[in-house]
Amino acid sequence: MQALEHEIKELIIASLSLEDVTPDDIDAAAPLFVEGLGLDSIDALELGLALQKRYGVSLAADSQETRRHFSSVRALAEFVSAQKAIA
């Protein structure tokens, strides 16, 4: 799971062009939005597209479940891992 979390951190940095951030700067349990990384809704869309391209996962645009998956890097890793297991 840690390897997947690291991959997702790198994906976040690359897809959102976070130039001054390294994977080690991102706490896997910290919130991605508002506090933590401080991402916004545009970032969520870009990150969602990057996750779809990289892992083939599908996300509902505005569901509570999707918001829960995007709560932290760890939650995203758990979601991606679960989706891989289903496929």
N, C-alpha and C. Protein backbone atom coordinates (compact mmCIF):
# COMPACT_ATOMS: atom_id res chain seq x y z
N MET A 1 0.83 -1.21 0.00
CA MET A 1 0.00 0.00 0.00
C MET A 1 0.87 1.26 0.00
N GLN A 2 2.03 1.20 0.68
CA GLN A 2 2.89 2.38 0.72
C GLN A 2 3.42 2.73 -0.66
N ALA A 3 3.71 1.72 -1.46
CA ALA A 3 4.19 1.98 -2.83
C ALA A 3 3.11 2.68 -3.64
N LEU A 4 1.86 2.24 -3.48
CA LEU A 4 0.74 2.87 -4.19
C LEU A 4 0.54 4.30 -3.71
N GLU A 5 0.65 4.52 -2.41
CA GLU A 5 0.53 5.88 -1.87
C GLU A 5 1.60 6.78 -2.48
N HIS A 6 2.82 6.27 -2.57
CA HIS A 6 3.92 7.05 -3.15
C HIS A 6 3.63 7.37 -4.62
N GLU A 7 3.13 6.38 -5.37
CA GLU A 7 2.76 6.59 -6.78
C GLU A 7 1.71 7.68 -6.91
N ILE A 8 0.71 7.64 -6.04
CA ILE A 8 -0.38 8.63 -6.08
C ILE A 8 0.16 10.01 -5.73
N LYS A 9 1.07 10.09 -4.77
CA LYS A 9 1.68 11.39 -4.44
C LYS A 9 2.40 11.94 -5.66
N GLU A 10 3.16 11.09 -6.36
CA GLU A 10 3.86 11.53 -7.57
C GLU A 10 2.87 11.96 -8.65
N LEU A 11 1.77 11.23 -8.77
CA LEU A 11 0.73 11.57 -9.74
C LEU A 11 0.11 12.93 -9.41
N ILE A 12 -0.15 13.19 -8.14
CA ILE A 12 -0.70 14.48 -7.72
C ILE A 12 0.26 15.60 -8.09
N ILE A 13 1.53 15.42 -7.78
CA ILE A 13 2.53 16.45 -8.06
C ILE A 13 2.63 16.70 -9.56
N ALA A 14 2.69 15.63 -10.36
CA ALA A 14 2.84 15.77 -11.81
C ALA A 14 1.59 16.35 -12.46
N SER A 15 0.43 15.82 -12.10
CA SER A 15 -0.80 16.25 -12.78
C SER A 15 -1.23 17.66 -12.39
N LEU A 16 -0.83 18.11 -11.20
CA LEU A 16 -1.22 19.46 -10.75
C LEU A 16 -0.06 20.44 -10.81
N SER A 17 1.06 20.01 -11.37
CA SER A 17 2.26 20.87 -11.52
C SER A 17 2.66 21.54 -10.22
N LEU A 18 2.75 20.75 -9.16
CA LEU A 18 3.17 21.26 -7.86
C LEU A 18 4.70 21.24 -7.80
N GLU A 19 5.32 22.29 -8.31
CA GLU A 19 6.77 22.31 -8.52
C GLU A 19 7.59 22.27 -7.24
N ASP A 20 7.13 22.87 -6.19
CA ASP A 20 7.92 22.96 -4.96
C ASP A 20 7.56 21.87 -3.94
N VAL A 21 6.88 20.83 -4.37
CA VAL A 21 6.42 19.78 -3.47
C VAL A 21 7.06 18.46 -3.88
N THR A 22 7.51 17.69 -2.88
CA THR A 22 8.03 16.35 -3.13
C THR A 22 7.06 15.34 -2.51
N PRO A 23 7.12 14.08 -2.92
CA PRO A 23 6.24 13.08 -2.31
C PRO A 23 6.38 13.02 -0.79
N ASP A 24 7.60 13.25 -0.28
CA ASP A 24 7.82 13.23 1.16
C ASP A 24 7.13 14.39 1.88
N ASP A 25 6.82 15.47 1.14
CA ASP A 25 6.14 16.62 1.74
C ASP A 25 4.66 16.36 1.98
N ILE A 26 4.12 15.34 1.31
CA ILE A 26 2.68 15.07 1.39
C ILE A 26 2.44 13.97 2.42
N ASP A 27 1.69 14.29 3.46
CA ASP A 27 1.30 13.32 4.47
C ASP A 27 0.14 12.50 3.92
N ALA A 28 0.30 11.18 3.88
CA ALA A 28 -0.71 10.30 3.29
C ALA A 28 -2.06 10.41 4.01
N ALA A 29 -2.03 10.78 5.28
CA ALA A 29 -3.28 10.86 6.04
C ALA A 29 -3.86 12.27 6.09
N ALA A 30 -3.12 13.25 5.60
CA ALA A 30 -3.58 14.65 5.67
C ALA A 30 -4.65 14.92 4.62
N PRO A 31 -5.54 15.85 4.90
CA PRO A 31 -6.58 16.21 3.93
C PRO A 31 -5.96 16.79 2.65
N LEU A 32 -6.56 16.49 1.52
CA LEU A 32 -6.07 17.04 0.26
C LEU A 32 -6.67 18.41 -0.02
N PHE A 33 -7.87 18.65 0.49
CA PHE A 33 -8.58 19.90 0.20
C PHE A 33 -8.66 20.78 1.43
N VAL A 34 -8.76 22.08 1.19
CA VAL A 34 -8.82 23.13 2.22
C VAL A 34 -7.53 23.10 3.05
N GLU A 35 -7.50 22.31 4.15
CA GLU A 35 -6.24 22.21 4.88
C GLU A 35 -5.35 21.25 4.10
N GLY A 36 -4.26 20.85 4.68
CA GLY A 36 -3.37 19.91 4.00
C GLY A 36 -2.78 20.54 2.74
N LEU A 37 -2.99 19.91 1.60
CA LEU A 37 -2.46 20.44 0.34
C LEU A 37 -3.20 21.66 -0.16
N GLY A 38 -4.43 21.85 0.30
CA GLY A 38 -5.18 23.03 -0.10
C GLY A 38 -5.67 22.99 -1.54
N LEU A 39 -5.99 21.80 -2.03
CA LEU A 39 -6.49 21.68 -3.40
C LEU A 39 -7.90 22.24 -3.51
N ASP A 40 -8.32 22.56 -4.75
CA ASP A 40 -9.67 23.06 -4.98
C ASP A 40 -10.40 22.14 -5.96
N SER A 41 -11.60 22.54 -6.37
CA SER A 41 -12.43 21.68 -7.22
C SER A 41 -11.82 21.46 -8.61
N ILE A 42 -11.13 22.44 -9.14
CA ILE A 42 -10.45 22.27 -10.44
C ILE A 42 -9.35 21.22 -10.30
N ASP A 43 -8.59 21.29 -9.19
CA ASP A 43 -7.56 20.29 -8.92
C ASP A 43 -8.19 18.89 -8.83
N ALA A 44 -9.36 18.81 -8.21
CA ALA A 44 -10.03 17.51 -8.06
C ALA A 44 -10.37 16.93 -9.43
N LEU A 45 -10.84 17.76 -10.35
CA LEU A 45 -11.16 17.28 -11.70
C LEU A 45 -9.91 16.78 -12.41
N GLU A 46 -8.83 17.56 -12.33
CA GLU A 46 -7.58 17.16 -12.98
C GLU A 46 -7.03 15.88 -12.37
N LEU A 47 -7.08 15.79 -11.07
CA LEU A 47 -6.59 14.59 -10.39
C LEU A 47 -7.46 13.38 -10.72
N GLY A 48 -8.76 13.60 -10.79
CA GLY A 48 -9.67 12.51 -11.16
C GLY A 48 -9.37 11.97 -12.55
N LEU A 49 -9.11 12.87 -13.50
CA LEU A 49 -8.76 12.45 -14.86
C LEU A 49 -7.43 11.70 -14.87
N ALA A 50 -6.46 12.18 -14.11
CA ALA A 50 -5.16 11.52 -14.04
C ALA A 50 -5.30 10.12 -13.45
N LEU A 51 -6.13 9.97 -12.43
CA LEU A 51 -6.36 8.66 -11.82
C LEU A 51 -7.05 7.71 -12.80
N GLN A 52 -8.00 8.25 -13.57
CA GLN A 52 -8.69 7.42 -14.57
C GLN A 52 -7.72 6.93 -15.63
N LYS A 53 -6.85 7.82 -16.11
CA LYS A 53 -5.87 7.44 -17.14
C LYS A 53 -4.87 6.43 -16.61
N ARG A 54 -4.36 6.67 -15.42
CA ARG A 54 -3.28 5.85 -14.87
C ARG A 54 -3.77 4.49 -14.39
N TYR A 55 -4.91 4.47 -13.69
CA TYR A 55 -5.36 3.24 -13.04
C TYR A 55 -6.65 2.66 -13.62
N GLY A 56 -7.29 3.39 -14.53
CA GLY A 56 -8.52 2.90 -15.12
C GLY A 56 -9.71 2.88 -14.18
N VAL A 57 -9.66 3.69 -13.13
CA VAL A 57 -10.77 3.75 -12.18
C VAL A 57 -11.79 4.78 -12.66
N SER A 58 -13.04 4.56 -12.31
CA SER A 58 -14.07 5.54 -12.68
C SER A 58 -14.64 6.15 -11.41
N LEU A 59 -14.86 7.46 -11.48
CA LEU A 59 -15.34 8.22 -10.33
C LEU A 59 -16.58 8.99 -10.70
N ALA A 60 -17.58 8.97 -9.83
CA ALA A 60 -18.77 9.79 -10.05
C ALA A 60 -18.39 11.24 -9.75
N ALA A 61 -18.87 12.15 -10.57
CA ALA A 61 -18.45 13.55 -10.48
C ALA A 61 -18.72 14.19 -9.13
N ASP A 62 -19.89 14.01 -8.58
CA ASP A 62 -20.20 14.75 -7.35
C ASP A 62 -20.94 13.88 -6.34
N SER A 63 -20.36 12.75 -6.00
CA SER A 63 -21.01 11.89 -5.02
C SER A 63 -20.27 11.98 -3.68
N GLN A 64 -20.97 11.66 -2.63
CA GLN A 64 -20.36 11.66 -1.30
C GLN A 64 -19.23 10.63 -1.25
N GLU A 65 -19.45 9.51 -1.92
CA GLU A 65 -18.45 8.45 -1.94
C GLU A 65 -17.14 8.95 -2.57
N THR A 66 -17.25 9.68 -3.69
CA THR A 66 -16.07 10.22 -4.35
C THR A 66 -15.37 11.22 -3.43
N ARG A 67 -16.12 12.04 -2.75
CA ARG A 67 -15.51 12.99 -1.81
C ARG A 67 -14.74 12.26 -0.73
N ARG A 68 -15.28 11.15 -0.27
CA ARG A 68 -14.59 10.37 0.76
C ARG A 68 -13.27 9.80 0.20
N HIS A 69 -13.29 9.31 -1.04
CA HIS A 69 -12.08 8.78 -1.66
C HIS A 69 -11.01 9.85 -1.81
N PHE A 70 -11.42 11.08 -2.04
CA PHE A 70 -10.48 12.18 -2.25
C PHE A 70 -10.09 12.87 -0.94
N SER A 71 -10.46 12.30 0.18
CA SER A 71 -10.17 12.96 1.45
C SER A 71 -8.68 12.99 1.78
N SER A 72 -7.92 11.97 1.33
CA SER A 72 -6.48 11.92 1.59
C SER A 72 -5.81 11.00 0.58
N VAL A 73 -4.50 11.03 0.56
CA VAL A 73 -3.76 10.13 -0.32
C VAL A 73 -4.05 8.68 0.08
N ARG A 74 -4.09 8.42 1.37
CA ARG A 74 -4.36 7.06 1.85
C ARG A 74 -5.72 6.58 1.38
N ALA A 75 -6.74 7.44 1.45
CA ALA A 75 -8.08 7.06 1.00
C ALA A 75 -8.08 6.78 -0.51
N LEU A 76 -7.35 7.58 -1.28
CA LEU A 76 -7.25 7.34 -2.73
C LEU A 76 -6.55 6.01 -3.01
N ALA A 77 -5.49 5.71 -2.26
CA ALA A 77 -4.77 4.45 -2.45
C ALA A 77 -5.67 3.26 -2.14
N GLU A 78 -6.46 3.37 -1.09
CA GLU A 78 -7.39 2.29 -0.73
C GLU A 78 -8.44 2.11 -1.82
N PHE A 79 -8.93 3.22 -2.37
CA PHE A 79 -9.92 3.16 -3.45
C PHE A 79 -9.34 2.50 -4.70
N VAL A 80 -8.15 2.94 -5.11
CA VAL A 80 -7.50 2.39 -6.31
C VAL A 80 -7.23 0.90 -6.10
N SER A 81 -6.74 0.55 -4.93
CA SER A 81 -6.44 -0.85 -4.63
C SER A 81 -7.71 -1.70 -4.69
N ALA A 82 -8.81 -1.19 -4.14
CA ALA A 82 -10.08 -1.91 -4.18
C ALA A 82 -10.59 -2.06 -5.62
N GLN A 83 -10.43 -1.01 -6.42
CA GLN A 83 -10.87 -1.06 -7.82
C GLN A 83 -10.06 -2.07 -8.62
N LYS A 84 -8.76 -2.14 -8.35
CA LYS A 84 -7.90 -3.11 -9.02
C LYS A 84 -8.32 -4.54 -8.68
N ALA A 85 -8.72 -4.74 -7.43
CA ALA A 85 -9.12 -6.07 -6.97
C ALA A 85 -10.41 -6.52 -7.67
N ILE A 86 -11.29 -5.57 -7.96
CA ILE A 86 -12.57 -5.89 -8.61
C ILE A 86 -12.34 -6.23 -10.09
N ALA A 87 -11.43 -5.49 -10.72
CA ALA A 87 -11.21 -5.64 -12.17
C ALA A 87 -10.56 -6.97 -12.55
